[in-house]
Protein backbone atom coordinates (compact mmCIF):
# COMPACT_ATOMS: atom_id res chain seq x y z
CA UNK A 1 -0.07 0.03 0.49
CA UNK A 2 1.86 3.24 -0.82
CA UNK A 3 -0.20 5.80 1.59
CA UNK A 4 1.71 6.70 4.64
CA UNK A 5 0.79 5.43 7.32
CA UNK A 6 1.65 7.59 10.07
CA UNK A 7 3.29 11.24 10.03
CA UNK A 8 6.55 12.18 9.49
CA UNK A 9 9.13 14.84 11.39
CA UNK A 10 11.66 16.51 9.21
CA UNK A 11 14.39 18.17 10.67
CA UNK A 12 16.20 20.64 8.34
CA UNK A 13 19.82 20.92 9.62
CA UNK A 14 20.42 23.52 6.71
CA UNK A 15 17.48 25.54 8.36
CA UNK A 16 19.14 24.84 11.87
CA UNK A 17 22.72 26.48 10.66
CA UNK A 18 20.67 29.05 9.24
CA UNK A 19 19.20 30.32 12.86
CA UNK A 20 22.29 30.61 14.24
CA UNK A 21 23.49 32.83 11.35
CA UNK A 22 20.65 35.10 12.54
CA UNK A 23 21.05 34.88 16.11
CA UNK A 24 25.28 35.04 15.79
CA UNK A 25 24.77 38.08 13.27
CA UNK A 26 22.01 39.56 15.97
CA UNK A 27 24.37 39.14 19.13
CA UNK A 28 27.33 40.83 17.23
CA UNK A 29 30.64 39.83 18.19
CA UNK A 30 29.05 37.53 21.15
CA UNK A 31 29.50 33.45 21.56
CA UNK A 32 26.64 32.02 20.65
CA UNK A 33 25.51 28.78 23.20
CA UNK A 34 23.10 26.35 22.14
CA UNK A 35 20.74 25.39 24.21
CA UNK A 36 19.92 21.36 24.01
CA UNK A 37 18.38 20.57 26.42
CA UNK A 38 14.80 18.23 26.18
CA UNK A 39 16.80 16.16 23.75
CA UNK A 40 17.26 19.46 21.92
CA UNK A 41 14.30 20.37 22.19
CA UNK A 42 13.02 17.06 20.93
CA UNK A 43 14.64 17.44 18.03
CA UNK A 44 17.59 14.90 18.60
CA UNK A 45 20.37 16.40 20.65
CA UNK A 46 22.62 14.21 18.65
CA UNK A 47 22.26 15.30 15.10
CA UNK A 48 21.47 18.93 16.34
CA UNK A 49 24.75 19.53 18.49
CA UNK A 50 27.19 17.80 15.91
CA UNK A 51 25.74 20.05 12.71
CA UNK A 52 26.12 23.43 15.65
CA UNK A 53 29.31 22.27 15.96
CA UNK A 54 30.38 21.87 12.40
CA UNK A 55 28.96 25.99 12.37
CA UNK A 56 30.87 26.91 14.95
CA UNK A 57 29.30 26.25 18.35
CA UNK A 58 31.78 25.14 21.12
CA UNK A 59 29.18 25.81 24.34
CA UNK A 60 26.01 23.48 24.67
CA UNK A 61 23.80 24.21 27.65
CA UNK A 62 21.48 20.69 28.79
CA UNK A 63 19.05 20.92 32.05
CA UNK A 64 19.84 17.23 33.07
CA UNK A 65 23.07 15.75 33.99
CA UNK A 66 21.58 12.65 32.04
CA UNK A 67 21.13 15.06 28.91
CA UNK A 68 24.89 15.90 29.29
CA UNK A 69 26.21 12.44 29.64
CA UNK A 70 24.24 11.58 26.16
CA UNK A 71 25.12 15.08 24.73
CA UNK A 72 28.28 14.14 25.59
CA UNK A 73 28.50 10.49 23.95
CA UNK A 74 26.81 11.92 20.83
CA UNK A 75 30.07 14.65 20.22
CA UNK A 76 32.04 12.17 20.99
CA UNK A 77 36.23 13.07 20.77
CA UNK A 78 35.00 17.25 20.27
CA UNK A 79 36.33 19.66 22.78
CA UNK A 80 33.53 21.11 23.49
CA UNK A 81 32.19 22.75 27.09
CA UNK A 82 28.88 21.37 28.33
CA UNK A 83 27.12 23.35 30.93
CA UNK A 84 24.52 21.57 33.35
CA UNK A 85 21.90 24.20 34.53
CA UNK A 86 20.78 21.84 37.34
CA UNK A 87 23.90 22.22 38.86
CA UNK A 88 26.14 19.97 41.25
CA UNK A 89 23.47 17.97 42.69
CA UNK A 90 24.35 15.86 45.29
CA UNK A 91 26.07 12.17 43.99
CA UNK A 92 26.50 13.88 40.65
CA UNK A 93 29.95 15.26 41.02
CA UNK A 94 31.68 12.19 40.11
CA UNK A 95 29.07 11.33 36.44
CA UNK A 96 29.74 15.12 36.02
CA UNK A 97 33.52 14.68 36.40
CA UNK A 98 33.53 11.49 33.84
CA UNK A 99 31.70 13.20 30.95
CA UNK A 100 34.06 16.19 31.46
CA UNK A 101 30.43 18.21 31.93
CA UNK A 102 30.02 21.88 33.97
CA UNK A 103 27.76 22.37 36.35
CA UNK A 104 25.68 25.76 36.47
CA UNK A 105 25.40 26.13 40.80
CA UNK A 106 22.44 27.70 41.72
CA UNK A 107 22.36 27.23 44.96
CA UNK A 108 24.02 28.12 48.69
CA UNK A 109 24.53 24.40 49.07
CA UNK A 110 25.43 23.36 45.76
CA UNK A 111 28.28 26.37 45.88
CA UNK A 112 29.51 24.68 49.19
CA UNK A 113 29.39 21.50 47.67
CA UNK A 114 31.70 22.79 45.31
CA UNK A 115 33.89 24.76 47.96
CA UNK A 116 34.31 21.46 49.57
CA UNK A 117 35.30 19.71 46.05
CA UNK A 118 37.91 22.57 45.23
CA UNK A 119 39.39 22.42 49.17
CA UNK A 120 39.46 18.32 48.55
CA UNK A 121 41.09 18.30 44.81
CA UNK A 122 43.05 21.65 44.74
CA UNK A 123 40.48 23.58 42.40
CA UNK A 124 37.10 22.43 40.54
CA UNK A 125 35.71 24.41 38.07
CA UNK A 126 32.00 25.33 37.31
CA UNK A 127 29.74 28.39 36.26
CA UNK A 128 27.41 30.81 38.70
CA UNK A 129 23.95 31.08 38.42
CA UNK A 130 22.77 34.03 40.18
CA UNK A 131 18.93 35.69 40.41
CA UNK A 132 18.34 39.20 39.34
CA UNK A 133 15.25 38.74 39.33
CA UNK A 134 13.30 35.39 38.06
CA UNK A 135 13.38 33.93 41.21
CA UNK A 136 13.63 30.21 39.69
CA UNK A 137 17.03 29.42 39.73
CA UNK A 138 20.33 30.98 41.02
CA UNK A 139 21.62 32.74 44.31
CA UNK A 140 20.92 35.42 45.27
CA UNK A 141 23.38 38.65 45.00
CA UNK A 142 24.05 38.65 48.66
CA UNK A 143 24.64 34.63 49.06
CA UNK A 144 26.98 35.11 45.78
CA UNK A 145 28.50 37.79 47.33
CA UNK A 146 29.11 36.04 50.52
CA UNK A 147 30.41 32.79 48.42
CA UNK A 148 32.67 34.52 46.78
CA UNK A 149 34.24 36.17 49.64
CA UNK A 150 35.11 32.97 51.58
CA UNK A 151 38.31 33.02 52.78
CA UNK A 152 40.74 30.58 49.85
CA UNK A 153 37.22 30.67 47.27
CA UNK A 154 38.67 32.07 44.55
CA UNK A 155 41.81 30.42 44.72
CA UNK A 156 40.56 26.69 44.23
CA UNK A 157 36.71 27.49 42.49
CA UNK A 158 37.50 28.63 39.49
CA UNK A 159 34.06 30.17 38.02
CA UNK A 160 34.51 30.84 33.79
CA UNK A 161 31.00 31.96 33.70
CA UNK A 162 28.75 33.70 35.52
CA UNK A 163 24.97 33.28 34.54
CA UNK A 164 21.34 34.87 34.72
CA UNK A 165 18.14 34.32 33.10
CA UNK A 166 15.64 37.40 32.27
CA UNK A 167 12.09 36.78 32.82
CA UNK A 168 10.40 39.30 30.43
CA UNK A 169 12.62 39.10 27.22
CA UNK A 170 9.86 38.40 25.17
CA UNK A 171 8.16 41.61 25.43
CA UNK A 172 10.83 44.61 24.97
CA UNK A 173 9.10 47.07 26.52
CA UNK A 174 8.66 45.60 29.94
CA UNK A 175 10.23 47.68 32.72
CA UNK A 176 11.49 44.35 34.63
CA UNK A 177 13.92 43.80 31.51
CA UNK A 178 15.80 46.98 32.81
CA UNK A 179 15.73 46.19 35.72
CA UNK A 180 16.94 42.48 35.54
CA UNK A 181 19.98 44.75 34.11
CA UNK A 182 21.05 46.66 36.23
CA UNK A 183 21.22 44.16 38.91
CA UNK A 184 23.64 41.67 36.55
CA UNK A 185 26.10 44.72 36.69
CA UNK A 186 26.13 44.56 40.34
CA UNK A 187 26.54 40.88 40.06
CA UNK A 188 29.45 41.10 36.93
CA UNK A 189 31.62 43.29 39.44
CA UNK A 190 31.56 40.20 41.92
CA UNK A 191 33.64 38.93 39.14
CA UNK A 192 34.95 41.38 36.84
CA UNK A 193 37.30 38.61 34.87
CA UNK A 194 35.00 36.25 34.57
CA UNK A 195 33.13 35.96 31.18
CA UNK A 196 28.85 36.46 31.48
CA UNK A 197 25.97 35.40 29.99
CA UNK A 198 22.75 37.02 30.52
CA UNK A 199 20.26 36.65 27.36
CA UNK A 200 18.96 33.67 25.75
CA UNK A 201 16.74 33.81 22.65
CA UNK A 202 14.37 36.36 23.48
CA UNK A 203 17.42 38.77 25.22
CA UNK A 204 19.62 38.55 22.72
CA UNK A 205 17.52 40.75 20.50
CA UNK A 206 16.57 43.04 22.70
CA UNK A 207 20.03 44.74 21.95
CA UNK A 208 23.65 45.23 23.06
CA UNK A 209 23.48 46.01 26.53
CA UNK A 210 22.13 42.85 26.65
CA UNK A 211 24.38 40.52 25.37
CA UNK A 212 27.43 40.44 27.26
CA UNK A 213 29.84 37.90 26.72
CA UNK A 214 27.70 35.17 25.23
CA UNK A 215 23.71 34.47 24.20
CA UNK A 216 22.00 31.28 25.44
CA UNK A 217 20.04 30.57 21.93
CA UNK A 218 17.75 28.05 21.97
CA UNK A 219 14.12 28.37 20.56
CA UNK A 220 15.15 30.58 18.07
CA UNK A 221 17.56 27.70 17.01
CA UNK A 222 14.85 25.89 16.17
CA UNK A 223 12.18 28.90 14.81
CA UNK A 224 10.42 29.90 17.67
CA UNK A 225 10.34 33.73 17.50
CA UNK A 226 12.25 35.18 19.55
CA UNK A 227 8.78 37.95 21.24
CA UNK A 228 6.47 35.34 20.48
CA UNK A 229 5.38 35.37 17.67
CA UNK A 230 6.47 34.25 13.57
CA UNK A 231 9.98 36.25 12.54
CA UNK A 232 10.60 35.68 9.10
CA UNK A 233 14.73 36.18 9.91
CA UNK A 234 14.27 32.85 10.85
CA UNK A 235 13.63 29.37 9.24
CA UNK A 236 11.26 26.12 10.04
CA UNK A 237 13.40 23.51 11.16
CA UNK A 238 10.68 20.73 12.69
CA UNK A 239 8.48 19.76 9.88
CA UNK A 240 5.37 17.83 10.70
CA UNK A 241 3.57 16.40 8.20
CA UNK A 242 0.37 13.47 7.96
CA UNK A 243 -1.70 11.71 5.44
CA UNK A 244 -5.33 12.51 4.43
CA UNK A 245 -7.00 8.95 5.84
CA UNK A 246 -10.45 10.02 4.23
CA UNK A 247 -12.23 12.91 3.01
CA UNK A 248 -15.88 13.39 3.90
CA UNK A 249 -18.79 15.82 3.29
CA UNK A 250 -20.64 17.12 5.75
CA UNK A 251 -24.29 18.53 6.46
CA UNK A 252 -25.48 21.66 8.00
CA UNK A 253 -25.98 20.26 11.71
CA UNK A 254 -23.07 17.75 11.33
CA UNK A 255 -20.51 17.50 14.66
CA UNK A 256 -17.93 16.40 14.61
CA UNK A 257 -15.24 14.52 16.99
CA UNK A 258 -15.82 14.15 20.74
CA UNK A 259 -18.16 15.99 23.07
CA UNK A 260 -19.56 17.06 19.94
CA UNK A 261 -16.96 20.88 19.68
CA UNK A 262 -17.27 21.37 16.26
CA UNK A 263 -20.84 21.94 14.68
CA UNK A 264 -20.94 22.44 10.85
CA UNK A 265 -22.88 25.83 9.81
CA UNK A 266 -23.38 24.96 6.90
CA UNK A 267 -22.02 21.92 3.70
CA UNK A 268 -18.80 21.00 4.29
CA UNK A 269 -15.57 19.33 3.04
CA UNK A 270 -13.39 17.99 5.42
CA UNK A 271 -10.05 15.57 5.64
CA UNK A 272 -9.67 13.24 8.12
CA UNK A 273 -5.75 13.58 8.59
CA UNK A 274 -3.34 10.70 10.61
CA UNK A 275 -2.01 12.55 13.22
CA UNK A 276 -3.28 14.03 16.65
CA UNK A 277 -2.29 14.85 20.33
CA UNK A 278 -0.31 11.66 20.67
CA UNK A 279 1.88 13.19 17.68
CA UNK A 280 2.32 16.44 18.97
CA UNK A 281 -0.85 17.86 17.66
CA UNK A 282 -2.52 20.03 20.70
CA UNK A 283 -5.56 19.57 21.38
CA UNK A 284 -5.98 23.13 22.48
CA UNK A 285 -5.18 24.44 19.01
CA UNK A 286 -8.31 23.00 17.88
CA UNK A 287 -11.04 25.75 16.70
CA UNK A 288 -8.05 28.41 16.42
CA UNK A 289 -5.06 27.09 15.39
CA UNK A 290 -4.51 25.83 11.53
CA UNK A 291 -2.60 23.32 9.32
CA UNK A 292 -1.44 23.76 5.79
CA UNK A 293 -3.35 21.62 3.02
CA UNK A 294 -3.95 22.19 -0.52
CA UNK A 295 -1.92 25.25 -0.94
CA UNK A 296 -3.53 27.25 1.90
CA UNK A 297 -4.34 27.00 5.88
CA UNK A 298 -6.87 25.04 6.94
CA UNK A 299 -8.48 25.50 10.34
CA UNK A 300 -8.24 22.76 13.02
CA UNK A 301 -11.96 21.28 13.55
CA UNK A 302 -10.85 18.68 16.17
CA UNK A 303 -7.88 16.87 17.34
CA UNK A 304 -8.04 13.75 19.18
CA UNK A 305 -5.38 10.83 19.78
CA UNK A 306 -4.93 10.04 16.69
CA UNK A 307 -6.60 12.33 14.34
CA UNK A 308 -7.54 15.53 13.26
CA UNK A 309 -9.91 16.56 10.67
CA UNK A 310 -9.44 19.67 9.38
CA UNK A 311 -12.30 22.28 7.39
CA UNK A 312 -10.84 21.55 4.06
CA UNK A 313 -13.13 23.87 2.04
CA UNK A 314 -12.72 24.01 -1.80
CA UNK A 315 -9.23 22.71 -2.22
CA UNK A 316 -8.16 20.00 -4.20
CA UNK A 317 -6.58 17.46 -1.90
CA UNK A 318 -7.24 13.80 -1.80
CA UNK A 319 -6.89 10.68 0.31
CA UNK A 320 -2.86 10.61 0.96
CA UNK A 321 -1.56 13.88 0.26
CA UNK A 322 0.22 14.80 2.89
CA UNK A 323 -0.83 17.96 5.25
CA UNK A 324 1.28 20.55 6.99
CA UNK A 325 0.84 20.12 10.43
CA UNK A 326 3.48 22.64 11.86
CA UNK A 327 6.65 23.90 9.54
CA UNK A 328 7.53 26.41 7.02
CA UNK A 329 3.51 27.28 6.50
CA UNK A 330 1.67 25.94 9.39
CA UNK A 331 3.84 28.41 11.40
CA UNK A 332 5.25 27.14 14.54
CA UNK A 333 4.66 30.31 16.63
CA UNK A 334 1.13 30.57 15.23
CA UNK A 335 0.23 27.25 16.33
CA UNK A 336 1.93 27.78 19.93
CA UNK A 337 -0.63 30.45 20.12
CA UNK A 338 -3.78 28.97 18.91
CA UNK A 339 -2.73 26.72 21.60
CA UNK A 340 -2.50 28.97 24.40
CA UNK A 341 1.38 28.17 24.54
CA UNK A 342 4.96 28.93 23.55
CA UNK A 343 7.15 26.96 20.56
CA UNK A 344 8.98 25.40 22.76
CA UNK A 345 5.78 23.69 24.29
CA UNK A 346 4.83 22.60 20.61
CA UNK A 347 8.39 21.49 20.05
CA UNK A 348 8.89 19.42 22.72
CA UNK A 349 5.40 17.47 22.26
CA UNK A 350 6.55 16.37 19.18
CA UNK A 351 6.21 12.62 19.80
CA UNK A 352 9.20 9.68 18.86
CA UNK A 353 5.95 8.19 17.01
CA UNK A 354 6.61 10.00 13.89
CA UNK A 355 8.91 8.77 11.32
CA UNK A 356 11.95 11.40 11.55
CA UNK A 357 13.93 12.36 8.19
CA UNK A 358 16.92 14.48 9.09
CA UNK A 359 18.12 16.64 6.38
CA UNK A 360 21.32 17.30 4.68
CA UNK A 361 22.99 17.33 7.69
CA UNK A 362 26.75 18.19 8.15
């Protein structure tokens, strides 16, 4: 049978390289580090990491120790610096050392554990995260000052990078950005010889005051606009497509889906597509989101676990035609907005059930 029987996720590594170049141009001289946590936002940390290395990326950020171990294995002998945002968790020191991972210290107990390792071994290397107002991860400014003032701390504890994170960077007009920037300047003064990293994807586009020595690019590498809306400079990296299984004609009053979520107001032509929320099509987008079929955007009428029903209108389409659920036409940020979420969540929900194809990998 020639009909495809499942969704297909195509990951365009040339588009990834293009997006990295866009961020690098915007960052104007700052190092572009890559945030590849959650298996590179669900797209595969191995292939993504290797291509980013080929494009000049030398620093990577992951969340979990296990993610860092997997990335180190995927990169092989490449001498990348891999930072673990969870930091130095109890019992993790040997694993971090074995995989040559650099913890990002975010709590006072982690910092004290790092000082103890430094005292025992004569030296220990860790990045330091300081909270400037997001109240998620990071030492307070007072705690960081006390840590670095500890006798002998800076003789044995090597801090190559000092990090913070913006909470409202997706809104350039938000006054909180300037408040956090002022606090980060105080943080930077604690360790003027260390490199500084303040901006993630959105922050990299806020202007030169926010870039410092390194920007941590995440969602914008994968096609998400820095300000939670489509950015024409960025290309779609992930394209999720699925075949049409059936085309049905509805009469006025016919209802579609569980809970009869949609009622046809007039005669309608709809397609049943072989992708649902088990493949990463977010159910909350139905009624507001769109797929791309027959040369145009088609509204999502119902999303179930394995199937989505779309309004075909008068579009030329046949059983077996592939429908783009997210990609260069059904834009990532638009689907996220329709579902009341962010592009990050759309990406990480893309399911392993879809066949994966990597295009033009270096």
